Amino acid sequence: MTQRVRPFAGFEWLIAWRYLRSRRSEGGISVMTWISLVGIALAVFALIATLSVRSGFRSEFTATILGANAHVTLYPMRQVGDSRQVRPMFRDPDTVIAAVTAIPEVVRVAPVVRGQVMATANGATIGVEVLGERPGDLATLPLVSTPDVSRGSLAAFDPGIAVGTGVARSLGLGPGSPVTLISPDGIHTAFGTAPRIDSFDVGYVFGVGRYDIDSTRVYMPLSAAQDFFNRESGIDELEVMVAEPEDIDRIARQIQAAVGPGVLLWTWKDSSGAFLDALRMEDNIMFIILSMLVLIAVMNIVSGLVMLVKNKGRDIGILRTIGLTEGSILRIFLICGAATGIIGTIAGVILGSLFAIYIDPIFDLVNWLAGGGVWDPSIRFLNRLPARLELSDVLVTIAFSVSLSLVVTLFPARRAARLDPVEALRYE
């Protein structure tokens, strides 16, 4: 009675390993094996590297949105028949602040005065956005109080101002430098409105790492901003930050219920959600496109195994003659193909992970070789190329590559298993 062989027994691994490392003179396909392995490694590397960059870009962009901007902004709506003010303002913000602060998920509420002005210094002039905030509120804005790059001291914000690194670079400013701000909405006279021109000293320079913020934003003490923009005791908006920004839709409904219908809400998803949705869609498209590279690479396994089966026909006939079953032959060649795919996948994962970890020196080298100008922060909003290695991306890539390797191996492995030993040995 024939003894049943345990699947994937030791001798099956031994035979598969011998076939993988056999030379061409022995009927092996070592060159094709290496081509398949390198192809899979490069395809997996490209997939992981691309996904890590896309994840890093999305994460960095979201972090700068949430760290330097309000999660929810509250705007007053003009009341019907109210002609006392040129623009709607919160005349009694404390009542609204108290109502919003009472919501458990809210961690920060700050009154803000906002205006567009011209800034001039050292013979240069640019347009900037001025935000008037209380010094204590500015200290609780994460990316401004603890930025990537800073000069001066946040304690010097009042009576001075705080400017982004891009503004400071354009105007040649530093801590203690004077800068002149020109507002078209200035002093009201009998002959019309005259521009308001005031000079301020820079007390703090911050860099959050996002081009559109660093190159345009200026913070001013709230009381000074109210005087500069003729807001008297009113404010333009309320900045609200919450503990769970991703759950902003639910929290926004609670805030709206607390403040009533006379207040308009604008969340961070309203301002940047479409861009983030586009990034997610691009991630999916890039994954599909780069998956084709993995598919093309694993197809080399098929051609290599077909050649191996053809070259090892005599060996297969002998193995079948001495008692190996079709299942054993199938598993031997399945191991050959799967081993190539798994080893290539592991190599690709290692290369992709190293690329994501050492993205900065790699990018500096590429930028140096290209003569600079590879990354334009004015287009991409971020000052550097980010990369974020996420476990889910790595696991999906591994599962996809290994699964494809197993699937494409089945056809040549079944062909080997069904080879008739009589036909294989007839002309030997």
Protein backbone atom coordinates (compact mmCIF):
# COMPACT_ATOMS: atom_id res chain seq x y z
CA MET A 1 0.00 0.00 0.00
CA THR A 2 1.38 3.40 -1.02
CA GLN A 3 2.01 5.75 1.89
CA ARG A 4 0.35 9.14 1.54
CA VAL A 5 2.93 11.95 1.24
CA ARG A 6 2.54 14.99 3.49
CA PRO A 7 1.98 18.17 1.37
CA PHE A 8 5.09 20.33 1.01
CA ALA A 9 7.32 17.65 2.46
CA GLY A 10 11.03 18.26 2.86
CA PHE A 11 12.05 16.48 -0.33
CA GLU A 12 9.69 18.71 -2.37
CA TRP A 13 11.46 21.82 -1.05
CA LEU A 14 14.84 20.19 -1.70
CA ILE A 15 14.03 19.38 -5.33
CA ALA A 16 12.53 22.84 -5.93
CA TRP A 17 15.62 24.52 -4.49
CA ARG A 18 17.89 22.39 -6.70
CA TYR A 19 15.91 23.40 -9.78
CA LEU A 20 16.06 27.08 -8.86
CA ARG A 21 19.83 27.15 -8.50
CA SER A 22 20.71 24.75 -11.33
CA ARG A 23 22.84 26.08 -14.17
CA ARG A 24 21.73 26.36 -17.76
CA SER A 25 24.11 23.52 -18.69
CA GLU A 26 22.14 21.30 -16.30
CA GLY A 27 18.83 22.21 -17.87
CA GLY A 28 18.10 25.00 -15.38
CA ILE A 29 16.92 28.56 -15.98
CA SER A 30 18.89 30.56 -13.47
CA VAL A 31 19.09 33.59 -15.78
CA MET A 32 15.32 33.68 -16.26
CA THR A 33 14.86 33.23 -12.51
CA TRP A 34 17.06 36.22 -11.81
CA ILE A 35 15.25 38.32 -14.42
CA SER A 36 11.90 37.46 -12.84
CA LEU A 37 13.18 38.17 -9.35
CA VAL A 38 14.72 41.53 -10.26
CA GLY A 39 11.63 42.54 -12.23
CA ILE A 40 9.30 41.82 -9.31
CA ALA A 41 11.63 43.59 -6.86
CA LEU A 42 11.73 46.73 -9.01
CA ALA A 43 7.95 46.71 -9.58
CA VAL A 44 7.22 46.30 -5.85
CA PHE A 45 9.79 49.00 -5.05
CA ALA A 46 8.14 51.41 -7.49
CA LEU A 47 4.70 50.66 -6.05
CA ILE A 48 5.73 51.15 -2.41
CA ALA A 49 7.83 54.24 -3.18
CA THR A 50 4.97 55.88 -5.06
CA LEU A 51 2.38 55.04 -2.42
CA SER A 52 4.64 56.29 0.37
CA VAL A 53 5.18 59.61 -1.40
CA ARG A 54 1.47 60.01 -2.07
CA SER A 55 0.64 59.11 1.56
CA GLY A 56 3.30 61.52 2.78
CA PHE A 57 2.03 64.30 0.55
CA ARG A 58 -1.54 63.77 1.74
CA SER A 59 -0.51 63.53 5.40
CA GLU A 60 1.77 66.58 5.25
CA PHE A 61 -0.82 68.65 3.42
CA THR A 62 -3.51 67.68 5.93
CA ALA A 63 -1.19 68.37 8.88
CA THR A 64 -0.45 71.89 7.67
CA ILE A 65 -4.15 72.52 7.10
CA LEU A 66 -5.08 71.35 10.59
CA GLY A 67 -2.05 72.81 12.36
CA ALA A 68 -2.09 76.33 10.95
CA ASN A 69 -5.76 76.89 10.15
CA ALA A 70 -9.06 76.66 11.91
CA HIS A 71 -10.92 73.36 11.77
CA VAL A 72 -14.16 75.33 11.68
CA THR A 73 -14.54 79.04 10.97
CA LEU A 74 -17.64 80.90 12.13
CA TYR A 75 -18.82 83.92 10.13
CA PRO A 76 -21.63 86.32 11.10
CA MET A 77 -24.50 86.67 8.67
CA ARG A 78 -25.93 90.09 7.87
CA GLN A 79 -29.27 90.58 9.55
CA VAL A 80 -32.20 91.75 7.45
CA GLY A 81 -32.61 95.51 7.73
CA ASP A 82 -29.25 95.99 9.45
CA SER A 83 -27.48 98.85 7.69
CA ARG A 84 -25.27 99.97 10.56
CA GLN A 85 -22.18 98.17 9.32
CA VAL A 86 -20.45 97.96 5.98
CA ARG A 87 -19.61 94.33 6.58
CA PRO A 88 -21.11 91.84 9.05
CA MET A 89 -19.17 91.47 12.30
CA PHE A 90 -19.59 89.76 15.63
CA ARG A 91 -20.51 92.69 17.87
CA ASP A 92 -20.80 90.51 20.98
CA PRO A 93 -18.44 87.57 20.35
CA ASP A 94 -18.30 86.46 24.00
CA THR A 95 -21.81 84.99 23.81
CA VAL A 96 -20.95 82.92 20.73
CA ILE A 97 -17.56 81.91 22.20
CA ALA A 98 -19.25 80.68 25.38
CA ALA A 99 -21.78 78.63 23.39
CA VAL A 100 -19.08 76.99 21.25
CA THR A 101 -16.69 76.38 24.15
CA ALA A 102 -19.41 74.44 25.97
CA ILE A 103 -19.23 71.70 23.32
CA PRO A 104 -16.94 68.92 24.68
CA GLU A 105 -15.12 68.26 21.38
CA VAL A 106 -14.04 71.90 21.01
CA VAL A 107 -10.51 72.59 22.27
CA ARG A 108 -9.90 76.15 21.01
CA VAL A 109 -12.01 79.20 20.10
CA ALA A 110 -10.24 82.38 19.00
CA PRO A 111 -11.69 85.70 17.75
CA VAL A 112 -10.04 86.88 14.54
CA VAL A 113 -9.89 90.06 12.48
CA ARG A 114 -8.83 89.43 8.89
CA GLY A 115 -7.77 91.80 6.14
CA GLN A 116 -5.76 92.07 2.92
CA VAL A 117 -3.01 94.71 2.87
CA MET A 118 0.17 95.71 1.10
CA ALA A 119 3.43 95.21 3.00
CA THR A 120 6.53 97.17 2.09
CA ALA A 121 10.08 97.13 3.44
CA ASN A 122 13.59 97.54 2.06
CA GLY A 123 12.26 98.75 -1.27
CA ALA A 124 10.07 95.67 -1.87
CA THR A 125 6.27 95.45 -1.78
CA ILE A 126 4.02 92.38 -1.65
CA GLY A 127 0.41 91.59 -0.82
CA VAL A 128 -0.17 89.81 2.48
CA GLU A 129 -3.07 88.56 4.56
CA VAL A 130 -3.22 89.95 8.08
CA LEU A 131 -4.89 87.97 10.86
CA GLY A 132 -5.48 89.76 14.15
CA GLU A 133 -5.38 87.37 17.11
CA ARG A 134 -4.85 87.63 20.83
CA PRO A 135 -1.31 86.62 21.87
CA GLY A 136 -2.62 83.80 24.05
CA ASP A 137 -4.66 82.38 21.15
CA LEU A 138 -1.71 82.54 18.75
CA ALA A 139 0.38 80.56 21.25
CA THR A 140 -2.16 77.71 21.01
CA LEU A 141 -1.96 77.49 17.21
CA PRO A 142 0.27 74.38 16.83
CA LEU A 143 2.31 75.03 13.69
CA VAL A 144 2.77 78.72 14.46
CA SER A 145 3.82 78.36 18.11
CA THR A 146 6.08 75.35 17.37
CA PRO A 147 6.96 75.64 13.66
CA ASP A 148 9.59 73.81 11.63
CA VAL A 149 11.55 77.05 11.31
CA SER A 150 11.37 80.10 13.57
CA ARG A 151 13.30 83.25 14.41
CA GLY A 152 12.75 85.68 17.21
CA SER A 153 10.34 84.98 20.04
CA LEU A 154 6.60 84.54 20.17
CA ALA A 155 6.71 86.64 23.35
CA ALA A 156 7.65 89.61 21.11
CA PHE A 157 4.45 89.20 19.09
CA ASP A 158 2.78 91.95 21.11
CA PRO A 159 3.38 94.84 20.44
CA GLY A 160 5.10 93.62 17.25
CA ILE A 161 3.81 91.31 14.52
CA ALA A 162 4.58 87.77 13.35
CA VAL A 163 5.33 87.06 9.69
CA GLY A 164 5.83 83.90 7.64
CA THR A 165 9.26 82.96 6.37
CA GLY A 166 8.21 83.65 2.78
CA VAL A 167 7.08 87.16 3.69
CA ALA A 168 10.33 87.73 5.59
CA ARG A 169 12.39 86.49 2.65
CA SER A 170 10.54 88.62 0.09
CA LEU A 171 10.86 91.80 2.15
CA GLY A 172 14.25 91.11 3.73
CA LEU A 173 12.84 91.06 7.27
CA GLY A 174 14.08 89.62 10.51
CA PRO A 175 13.26 89.98 14.21
CA GLY A 176 13.26 93.71 15.03
CA SER A 177 12.93 94.82 11.39
CA PRO A 178 10.30 97.51 10.66
CA VAL A 179 7.65 96.87 8.01
CA THR A 180 4.98 99.22 6.70
CA LEU A 181 1.43 97.95 6.16
CA ILE A 182 -0.95 99.81 3.85
CA SER A 183 -4.69 99.12 4.09
CA PRO A 184 -7.11 100.56 1.50
CA ASP A 185 -9.88 100.42 4.12
CA GLY A 186 -8.38 103.22 6.15
CA ILE A 187 -9.38 106.49 7.72
CA HIS A 188 -12.81 107.89 6.86
CA THR A 189 -12.66 111.62 6.07
CA ALA A 190 -14.97 114.22 4.60
CA PHE A 191 -13.30 113.64 1.24
CA GLY A 192 -13.69 109.82 1.35
CA THR A 193 -11.63 106.97 2.70
CA ALA A 194 -7.89 107.47 2.89
CA PRO A 195 -5.54 104.48 3.05
CA ARG A 196 -4.23 103.69 6.49
CA ILE A 197 -0.44 103.41 6.69
CA ASP A 198 1.22 102.12 9.85
CA SER A 199 4.64 100.78 10.67
CA PHE A 200 5.20 97.69 12.83
CA ASP A 201 8.24 95.87 14.14
CA VAL A 202 8.65 92.18 13.35
CA GLY A 203 8.85 90.21 16.59
CA TYR A 204 8.54 86.65 15.32
CA VAL A 205 9.19 84.79 12.06
CA PHE A 206 7.60 81.36 11.58
CA GLY A 207 7.68 78.70 8.87
CA VAL A 208 4.96 76.05 8.87
CA GLY A 209 6.33 74.32 5.75
CA ARG A 210 3.48 75.28 3.43
CA TYR A 211 4.20 77.81 0.72
CA ASP A 212 0.81 79.54 0.53
CA ILE A 213 0.88 80.23 4.29
CA ASP A 214 4.53 81.13 4.77
CA SER A 215 4.56 83.54 1.81
CA THR A 216 1.37 85.48 2.59
CA ARG A 217 0.46 85.33 6.27
CA VAL A 218 1.04 88.01 8.89
CA TYR A 219 -0.29 87.89 12.46
CA MET A 220 -1.07 91.07 14.39
CA PRO A 221 -2.34 91.54 17.97
CA LEU A 222 -6.14 91.61 17.95
CA SER A 223 -6.50 95.08 19.46
CA ALA A 224 -4.04 96.55 16.95
CA ALA A 225 -5.83 94.82 14.06
CA GLN A 226 -9.19 96.19 15.19
CA ASP A 227 -7.77 99.73 15.12
CA PHE A 228 -5.93 99.18 11.84
CA PHE A 229 -8.99 97.78 10.01
CA ASN A 230 -11.60 100.01 11.69
CA ARG A 231 -13.33 97.13 13.42
CA GLU A 232 -13.83 99.05 16.68
CA SER A 233 -14.73 96.30 19.18
CA GLY A 234 -16.08 93.84 16.59
CA ILE A 235 -14.42 90.80 15.03
CA ASP A 236 -14.72 89.22 11.60
CA GLU A 237 -14.75 85.54 12.47
CA LEU A 238 -14.14 82.87 15.10
CA GLU A 239 -11.51 80.16 14.69
CA VAL A 240 -12.53 76.84 16.21
CA MET A 241 -10.33 73.79 16.68
CA VAL A 242 -11.63 70.39 17.71
CA ALA A 243 -10.11 67.24 19.19
CA GLU A 244 -11.05 65.02 16.22
CA PRO A 245 -10.73 66.96 12.95
CA GLU A 246 -11.68 63.93 10.85
CA ASP A 247 -15.09 63.94 12.57
CA ILE A 248 -15.66 67.58 11.75
CA ASP A 249 -18.99 67.04 9.96
CA ARG A 250 -20.70 65.73 13.10
CA ILE A 251 -19.09 68.35 15.35
CA ALA A 252 -20.03 71.14 12.94
CA ARG A 253 -23.69 70.18 13.30
CA GLN A 254 -23.38 70.50 17.07
CA ILE A 255 -21.72 73.91 16.72
CA GLN A 256 -24.42 75.11 14.33
CA ALA A 257 -27.12 74.03 16.77
CA ALA A 258 -25.34 75.86 19.61
CA VAL A 259 -24.83 79.20 17.79
CA GLY A 260 -28.12 79.32 15.90
CA PRO A 261 -29.00 80.19 12.28
CA GLY A 262 -27.37 83.63 12.31
CA VAL A 263 -23.87 82.17 12.00
CA LEU A 264 -22.33 80.59 8.90
CA LEU A 265 -19.91 77.64 9.34
CA TRP A 266 -17.01 76.81 7.02
CA THR A 267 -15.01 73.65 7.84
CA TRP A 268 -11.55 72.61 6.73
CA LYS A 269 -13.15 69.96 4.52
CA ASP A 270 -15.17 72.66 2.76
CA SER A 271 -11.98 74.53 1.87
CA SER A 272 -9.64 71.59 1.16
CA GLY A 273 -11.81 68.49 1.04
CA ALA A 274 -12.04 68.45 -2.76
CA PHE A 275 -8.26 68.54 -3.02
CA LEU A 276 -7.90 65.66 -0.55
CA ASP A 277 -10.55 63.67 -2.43
CA ALA A 278 -8.55 64.23 -5.62
CA LEU A 279 -5.43 62.96 -3.84
CA ARG A 280 -7.25 59.81 -2.72
CA MET A 281 -8.53 59.22 -6.24
CA GLU A 282 -5.03 59.74 -7.59
CA ASP A 283 -3.72 57.22 -5.05
CA ASN A 284 -6.17 54.60 -6.32
CA ILE A 285 -5.33 55.31 -9.95
CA MET A 286 -1.58 55.17 -9.29
CA PHE A 287 -2.00 51.86 -7.46
CA ILE A 288 -3.88 50.37 -10.41
CA ILE A 289 -1.34 51.64 -12.95
CA LEU A 290 1.70 50.49 -10.97
CA SER A 291 0.02 47.16 -10.28
CA MET A 292 0.33 46.53 -13.97
CA LEU A 293 4.10 46.67 -13.52
CA VAL A 294 3.88 43.95 -10.89
CA LEU A 295 1.67 41.88 -13.20
CA ILE A 296 4.13 42.23 -16.07
CA ALA A 297 7.01 41.29 -13.77
CA VAL A 298 5.36 38.15 -12.43
CA MET A 299 4.51 37.04 -15.96
CA ASN A 300 8.24 36.38 -16.34
CA ILE A 301 7.73 33.61 -13.81
CA VAL A 302 5.40 31.86 -16.27
CA SER A 303 7.90 31.93 -19.11
CA GLY A 304 10.68 30.80 -16.79
CA LEU A 305 8.67 27.90 -15.38
CA VAL A 306 7.50 26.80 -18.82
CA MET A 307 11.15 26.58 -19.87
CA LEU A 308 12.00 24.77 -16.64
CA VAL A 309 9.23 22.20 -17.17
CA LYS A 310 10.41 21.63 -20.73
CA ASN A 311 14.06 21.22 -19.67
CA LYS A 312 13.19 19.00 -16.74
CA GLY A 313 10.82 16.69 -18.59
CA ARG A 314 13.16 13.72 -18.12
CA ASP A 315 13.48 14.44 -14.39
CA ILE A 316 9.71 14.69 -14.05
CA GLY A 317 9.28 11.33 -15.78
CA ILE A 318 11.80 9.69 -13.44
CA LEU A 319 10.20 11.25 -10.35
CA ARG A 320 6.78 10.03 -11.41
CA THR A 321 8.20 6.56 -12.13
CA ILE A 322 9.70 6.21 -8.64
CA GLY A 323 6.37 7.07 -7.06
CA LEU A 324 5.88 10.84 -6.81
CA THR A 325 2.27 11.88 -7.28
CA GLU A 326 0.91 14.63 -9.49
CA GLY A 327 0.36 16.67 -6.34
CA SER A 328 4.03 16.45 -5.40
CA ILE A 329 5.17 17.54 -8.87
CA LEU A 330 2.67 20.41 -8.83
CA ARG A 331 3.90 21.58 -5.42
CA ILE A 332 7.57 21.38 -6.47
CA PHE A 333 7.05 23.77 -9.38
CA LEU A 334 4.63 25.85 -7.34
CA ILE A 335 7.43 26.33 -4.80
CA CYS A 336 9.81 27.33 -7.62
CA GLY A 337 7.50 30.07 -8.89
CA ALA A 338 6.27 31.23 -5.50
CA ALA A 339 9.81 31.42 -4.11
CA THR A 340 10.83 33.73 -6.94
CA GLY A 341 7.82 35.93 -6.32
CA ILE A 342 8.25 36.01 -2.54
CA ILE A 343 11.99 36.73 -2.63
CA GLY A 344 11.47 39.45 -5.25
CA THR A 345 8.63 40.94 -3.18
CA ILE A 346 10.76 41.00 -0.01
CA ALA A 347 13.60 42.69 -1.89
CA GLY A 348 11.18 45.26 -3.33
CA VAL A 349 9.66 45.96 0.09
CA ILE A 350 13.11 46.53 1.58
CA LEU A 351 14.12 48.89 -1.25
CA GLY A 352 10.80 50.77 -1.09
CA SER A 353 10.99 51.13 2.69
CA LEU A 354 14.56 52.43 2.53
CA PHE A 355 13.48 54.92 -0.14
CA ALA A 356 10.66 56.22 2.08
CA ILE A 357 12.91 56.41 5.16
CA TYR A 358 15.80 58.18 3.40
CA ILE A 359 13.69 60.27 1.02
CA ASP A 360 15.36 63.57 1.98
CA PRO A 361 19.00 62.68 1.13
CA ILE A 362 17.83 60.79 -1.98
CA PHE A 363 15.83 63.79 -3.17
CA ASP A 364 18.73 66.15 -2.40
CA LEU A 365 20.94 63.97 -4.61
CA VAL A 366 18.38 63.98 -7.44
CA ASN A 367 17.95 67.73 -7.10
CA TRP A 368 21.74 68.19 -7.23
CA LEU A 369 22.11 65.96 -10.27
CA ALA A 370 19.33 67.86 -12.04
CA GLY A 371 20.90 71.21 -11.22
CA GLY A 372 18.13 72.27 -8.82
CA GLY A 373 14.56 73.37 -9.39
CA VAL A 374 13.07 69.85 -9.29
CA TRP A 375 10.60 70.82 -6.56
CA ASP A 376 8.57 74.03 -6.88
CA PRO A 377 6.81 74.78 -3.56
CA SER A 378 4.65 77.49 -5.17
CA ILE A 379 2.90 74.77 -7.19
CA ARG A 380 2.84 71.93 -4.68
CA PHE A 381 2.37 74.14 -1.56
CA LEU A 382 4.86 72.07 0.46
CA ASN A 383 8.51 73.02 0.87
CA ARG A 384 9.87 69.48 0.53
CA LEU A 385 8.97 66.10 -0.93
CA PRO A 386 7.34 64.13 1.91
CA ALA A 387 7.09 60.35 2.27
CA ARG A 388 5.08 58.37 4.79
CA LEU A 389 5.50 54.59 4.99
CA GLU A 390 2.14 53.14 6.01
CA LEU A 391 1.78 49.54 7.10
CA SER A 392 -1.47 49.13 5.17
CA ASP A 393 0.24 50.10 1.88
CA VAL A 394 3.08 47.63 2.51
CA LEU A 395 0.73 44.78 3.44
CA VAL A 396 -1.53 45.37 0.42
CA THR A 397 1.48 45.43 -1.88
CA ILE A 398 2.90 42.23 -0.39
CA ALA A 399 -0.45 40.44 -0.61
CA PHE A 400 -0.97 41.58 -4.20
CA SER A 401 2.49 40.59 -5.41
CA VAL A 402 2.59 37.21 -3.66
CA SER A 403 -0.96 36.36 -4.74
CA LEU A 404 -0.15 37.13 -8.37
CA SER A 405 3.01 35.03 -8.12
CA LEU A 406 1.01 32.05 -6.87
CA VAL A 407 -1.73 32.45 -9.44
CA VAL A 408 0.54 32.69 -12.49
CA THR A 409 2.57 29.72 -11.23
CA LEU A 410 -0.42 27.39 -11.25
CA PHE A 411 -0.57 26.96 -15.04
CA PRO A 412 3.02 25.73 -15.66
CA ALA A 413 2.93 23.74 -12.39
CA ARG A 414 -0.24 21.90 -13.47
CA ARG A 415 1.31 21.29 -16.85
CA ALA A 416 4.31 19.66 -15.17
CA ALA A 417 2.08 17.59 -12.88
CA ARG A 418 0.06 16.22 -15.80
CA LEU A 419 3.09 15.32 -17.88
CA ASP A 420 2.88 11.64 -18.90
CA PRO A 421 6.04 9.86 -17.60
CA VAL A 422 5.94 7.45 -20.55
CA GLU A 423 5.99 10.31 -23.06
CA ALA A 424 8.66 12.11 -21.06
CA LEU A 425 11.00 9.08 -21.09
CA ARG A 426 10.17 7.69 -24.52
CA TYR A 427 13.11 9.27 -26.31
CA GLU A 428 15.54 9.19 -23.39
